[in-house]
């Protein structure tokens, strides 16, 4: 199902291409490659927390790999690799 903003609902995936874990923040995120977004969930409850979207018009490409950046004092900064 596609919602008004043009993206599928949380927990709907189209090729999970990478997973990142932030143990300190208890967050797990996945690169939803063909939906051009990252979805993040609470590690303990599985509750959806947020999504980070990449606009297709920017020509960045699909998201192939993500990781939490080290030494960010617990903040959730990502490194993103695209095609």
N, C-alpha and C. Protein backbone atom coordinates (compact mmCIF):
# COMPACT_ATOMS: atom_id res chain seq x y z
N UNK A 1 0.84 -1.18 0.00
CA UNK A 1 0.00 0.00 0.00
C UNK A 1 0.89 1.24 0.00
N UNK A 2 0.59 2.18 -0.85
CA UNK A 2 1.31 3.45 -0.94
C UNK A 2 0.47 4.53 -0.25
N UNK A 3 1.10 5.31 0.61
CA UNK A 3 0.38 6.39 1.30
C UNK A 3 0.53 7.70 0.54
N UNK A 4 -0.08 8.75 1.04
CA UNK A 4 -0.14 10.03 0.34
C UNK A 4 1.22 10.60 -0.03
N UNK A 5 2.24 10.34 0.78
CA UNK A 5 3.56 10.91 0.48
C UNK A 5 4.30 10.12 -0.60
N UNK A 6 3.69 9.05 -1.11
CA UNK A 6 4.30 8.29 -2.18
C UNK A 6 5.16 7.13 -1.73
N UNK A 7 5.29 6.94 -0.42
CA UNK A 7 6.11 5.85 0.11
C UNK A 7 5.21 4.79 0.74
N UNK A 8 5.63 3.53 0.70
CA UNK A 8 4.87 2.48 1.37
C UNK A 8 4.82 2.70 2.87
N UNK A 9 3.92 2.02 3.52
CA UNK A 9 3.79 2.09 4.97
C UNK A 9 5.01 1.48 5.66
N UNK A 10 5.26 1.84 6.92
CA UNK A 10 6.32 1.20 7.67
C UNK A 10 6.11 -0.32 7.70
N UNK A 11 7.21 -1.04 7.79
CA UNK A 11 7.23 -2.51 7.79
C UNK A 11 6.94 -3.12 6.43
N UNK A 12 6.77 -2.32 5.41
CA UNK A 12 6.68 -2.83 4.05
C UNK A 12 8.03 -2.60 3.40
N UNK A 13 8.57 -3.64 2.80
CA UNK A 13 9.93 -3.59 2.28
C UNK A 13 9.96 -3.99 0.81
N UNK A 14 10.96 -3.48 0.10
CA UNK A 14 11.20 -3.88 -1.27
C UNK A 14 12.72 -4.01 -1.43
N UNK A 15 13.24 -5.14 -1.08
CA UNK A 15 14.64 -5.53 -1.09
C UNK A 15 15.42 -4.84 0.03
N UNK A 16 15.52 -5.54 1.15
CA UNK A 16 16.36 -5.08 2.26
C UNK A 16 17.81 -5.34 1.85
N UNK A 17 18.59 -4.29 1.75
CA UNK A 17 19.94 -4.43 1.20
C UNK A 17 21.03 -4.28 2.25
N UNK A 18 20.68 -3.77 3.44
CA UNK A 18 21.67 -3.56 4.48
C UNK A 18 20.94 -3.35 5.80
N UNK A 19 21.57 -3.77 6.89
CA UNK A 19 21.01 -3.57 8.23
C UNK A 19 22.10 -2.95 9.11
N UNK A 20 21.70 -1.97 9.93
CA UNK A 20 22.64 -1.32 10.85
C UNK A 20 22.07 -1.36 12.26
N UNK A 21 22.93 -1.64 13.23
CA UNK A 21 22.53 -1.73 14.62
C UNK A 21 23.28 -0.69 15.43
N UNK A 22 22.54 0.08 16.24
CA UNK A 22 23.14 1.00 17.20
C UNK A 22 22.77 0.48 18.58
N UNK A 23 23.68 -0.28 19.16
CA UNK A 23 23.40 -0.90 20.46
C UNK A 23 23.20 0.13 21.56
N UNK A 24 23.96 1.21 21.49
CA UNK A 24 23.85 2.25 22.53
C UNK A 24 22.46 2.88 22.55
N UNK A 25 21.92 3.16 21.38
CA UNK A 25 20.59 3.77 21.28
C UNK A 25 19.48 2.75 21.19
N UNK A 26 19.84 1.45 21.08
CA UNK A 26 18.85 0.38 20.96
C UNK A 26 17.95 0.57 19.74
N UNK A 27 18.60 0.87 18.60
CA UNK A 27 17.89 1.09 17.33
C UNK A 27 18.48 0.16 16.28
N UNK A 28 17.60 -0.43 15.48
CA UNK A 28 18.03 -1.20 14.32
C UNK A 28 17.36 -0.61 13.09
N UNK A 29 18.14 -0.44 12.02
CA UNK A 29 17.62 0.18 10.81
C UNK A 29 17.95 -0.69 9.61
N UNK A 30 17.13 -0.60 8.60
CA UNK A 30 17.36 -1.35 7.37
C UNK A 30 17.27 -0.44 6.17
N UNK A 31 18.13 -0.70 5.19
CA UNK A 31 18.08 0.03 3.92
C UNK A 31 17.03 -0.64 3.04
N UNK A 32 15.95 0.04 2.82
CA UNK A 32 14.84 -0.44 1.99
C UNK A 32 15.14 0.03 0.56
N UNK A 33 15.99 -0.74 -0.12
CA UNK A 33 16.63 -0.29 -1.35
C UNK A 33 15.67 0.24 -2.41
N UNK A 34 14.71 -0.53 -2.82
CA UNK A 34 13.86 -0.12 -3.93
C UNK A 34 12.76 0.85 -3.52
N UNK A 35 12.60 1.09 -2.24
CA UNK A 35 11.67 2.13 -1.77
C UNK A 35 12.41 3.41 -1.42
N UNK A 36 13.73 3.45 -1.67
CA UNK A 36 14.54 4.65 -1.49
C UNK A 36 14.41 5.24 -0.09
N UNK A 37 14.57 4.38 0.92
CA UNK A 37 14.45 4.87 2.29
C UNK A 37 15.19 3.97 3.26
N UNK A 38 15.37 4.47 4.47
CA UNK A 38 15.87 3.72 5.60
C UNK A 38 14.74 3.66 6.62
N UNK A 39 14.45 2.49 7.13
CA UNK A 39 13.45 2.34 8.17
C UNK A 39 14.15 1.98 9.47
N UNK A 40 13.72 2.62 10.57
CA UNK A 40 14.35 2.39 11.88
C UNK A 40 13.31 1.93 12.90
N UNK A 41 13.74 0.99 13.75
CA UNK A 41 12.86 0.37 14.73
C UNK A 41 13.55 0.27 16.08
N UNK A 42 12.74 0.25 17.14
CA UNK A 42 13.25 0.01 18.48
C UNK A 42 13.73 -1.44 18.54
N UNK A 43 14.94 -1.64 19.00
CA UNK A 43 15.54 -2.96 19.03
C UNK A 43 14.80 -3.93 19.94
N UNK A 44 14.24 -3.44 21.02
CA UNK A 44 13.57 -4.31 22.00
C UNK A 44 12.12 -4.61 21.66
N UNK A 45 11.38 -3.60 21.25
CA UNK A 45 9.95 -3.78 21.01
C UNK A 45 9.61 -4.02 19.55
N UNK A 46 10.51 -3.63 18.64
CA UNK A 46 10.22 -3.74 17.21
C UNK A 46 9.35 -2.61 16.70
N UNK A 47 9.02 -1.66 17.58
CA UNK A 47 8.15 -0.53 17.20
C UNK A 47 8.85 0.36 16.17
N UNK A 48 8.10 0.74 15.13
CA UNK A 48 8.61 1.65 14.11
C UNK A 48 8.91 3.00 14.75
N UNK A 49 10.11 3.55 14.47
CA UNK A 49 10.50 4.85 15.01
C UNK A 49 10.48 5.95 13.97
N UNK A 50 11.07 5.67 12.80
CA UNK A 50 11.12 6.71 11.76
C UNK A 50 11.62 6.11 10.46
N UNK A 51 11.46 6.92 9.42
CA UNK A 51 12.06 6.57 8.14
C UNK A 51 12.82 7.79 7.61
N UNK A 52 13.86 7.50 6.89
CA UNK A 52 14.66 8.55 6.25
C UNK A 52 14.56 8.28 4.76
N UNK A 53 14.04 9.24 4.02
CA UNK A 53 13.77 9.03 2.61
C UNK A 53 14.76 9.75 1.73
N UNK A 54 15.03 9.14 0.60
CA UNK A 54 15.87 9.74 -0.43
C UNK A 54 14.97 10.04 -1.61
N UNK A 55 14.92 11.28 -2.00
CA UNK A 55 14.07 11.66 -3.13
C UNK A 55 14.67 11.13 -4.43
N UNK A 56 13.87 10.42 -5.19
CA UNK A 56 14.33 9.84 -6.45
C UNK A 56 14.81 10.91 -7.42
N UNK A 57 14.23 12.10 -7.35
CA UNK A 57 14.58 13.19 -8.27
C UNK A 57 16.01 13.70 -8.07
N UNK A 58 16.62 13.39 -6.95
CA UNK A 58 17.96 13.90 -6.66
C UNK A 58 19.06 13.11 -7.37
N UNK A 59 18.71 12.01 -8.02
CA UNK A 59 19.67 11.17 -8.74
C UNK A 59 20.76 10.59 -7.83
N UNK A 60 20.44 10.39 -6.57
CA UNK A 60 21.38 9.78 -5.65
C UNK A 60 21.42 8.28 -5.87
N UNK A 61 20.29 7.72 -6.20
CA UNK A 61 20.20 6.29 -6.43
C UNK A 61 19.65 5.55 -5.22
N UNK A 62 19.43 4.28 -5.41
CA UNK A 62 18.91 3.43 -4.34
C UNK A 62 19.96 3.29 -3.25
N UNK A 63 19.51 3.00 -2.04
CA UNK A 63 20.40 2.86 -0.89
C UNK A 63 20.88 1.41 -0.83
N UNK A 64 22.18 1.23 -0.93
CA UNK A 64 22.76 -0.11 -0.92
C UNK A 64 23.38 -0.49 0.41
N UNK A 65 23.85 0.46 1.18
CA UNK A 65 24.49 0.13 2.46
C UNK A 65 24.34 1.30 3.42
N UNK A 66 24.13 0.96 4.69
CA UNK A 66 24.06 1.97 5.74
C UNK A 66 24.87 1.49 6.93
N UNK A 67 25.34 2.43 7.71
CA UNK A 67 25.98 2.11 8.98
C UNK A 67 25.89 3.34 9.87
N UNK A 68 25.90 3.11 11.17
CA UNK A 68 25.93 4.22 12.10
C UNK A 68 27.35 4.74 12.15
N UNK A 69 27.49 6.04 12.10
CA UNK A 69 28.81 6.66 12.16
C UNK A 69 29.36 6.52 13.58
N UNK A 70 30.62 6.16 13.70
CA UNK A 70 31.21 6.01 15.04
C UNK A 70 31.47 7.36 15.71
N UNK A 71 31.60 7.33 17.02
CA UNK A 71 31.99 8.50 17.81
C UNK A 71 31.06 9.69 17.64
N UNK A 72 29.76 9.44 17.69
CA UNK A 72 28.79 10.53 17.58
C UNK A 72 28.08 10.77 18.92
N UNK A 73 28.66 10.25 19.99
CA UNK A 73 28.12 10.44 21.34
C UNK A 73 26.66 10.03 21.46
N UNK A 74 26.32 8.90 20.83
CA UNK A 74 24.98 8.37 20.96
C UNK A 74 23.96 8.93 19.98
N UNK A 75 24.32 9.94 19.22
CA UNK A 75 23.36 10.45 18.24
C UNK A 75 23.34 9.51 17.03
N UNK A 76 22.27 9.53 16.32
CA UNK A 76 22.04 8.58 15.24
C UNK A 76 22.39 9.17 13.88
N UNK A 77 23.67 9.24 13.58
CA UNK A 77 24.11 9.72 12.28
C UNK A 77 24.46 8.54 11.41
N UNK A 78 24.08 8.61 10.14
CA UNK A 78 24.29 7.51 9.21
C UNK A 78 25.35 7.84 8.18
N UNK A 79 25.98 6.80 7.73
CA UNK A 79 26.74 6.84 6.48
C UNK A 79 25.90 6.05 5.49
N UNK A 80 25.70 6.60 4.33
CA UNK A 80 24.84 5.96 3.33
C UNK A 80 25.64 5.80 2.05
N UNK A 81 25.57 4.60 1.48
CA UNK A 81 26.21 4.35 0.19
C UNK A 81 25.14 4.01 -0.82
N UNK A 82 25.20 4.68 -1.95
CA UNK A 82 24.24 4.40 -3.01
C UNK A 82 25.01 4.03 -4.26
N UNK A 83 24.27 3.62 -5.25
CA UNK A 83 24.87 3.18 -6.49
C UNK A 83 25.55 4.32 -7.21
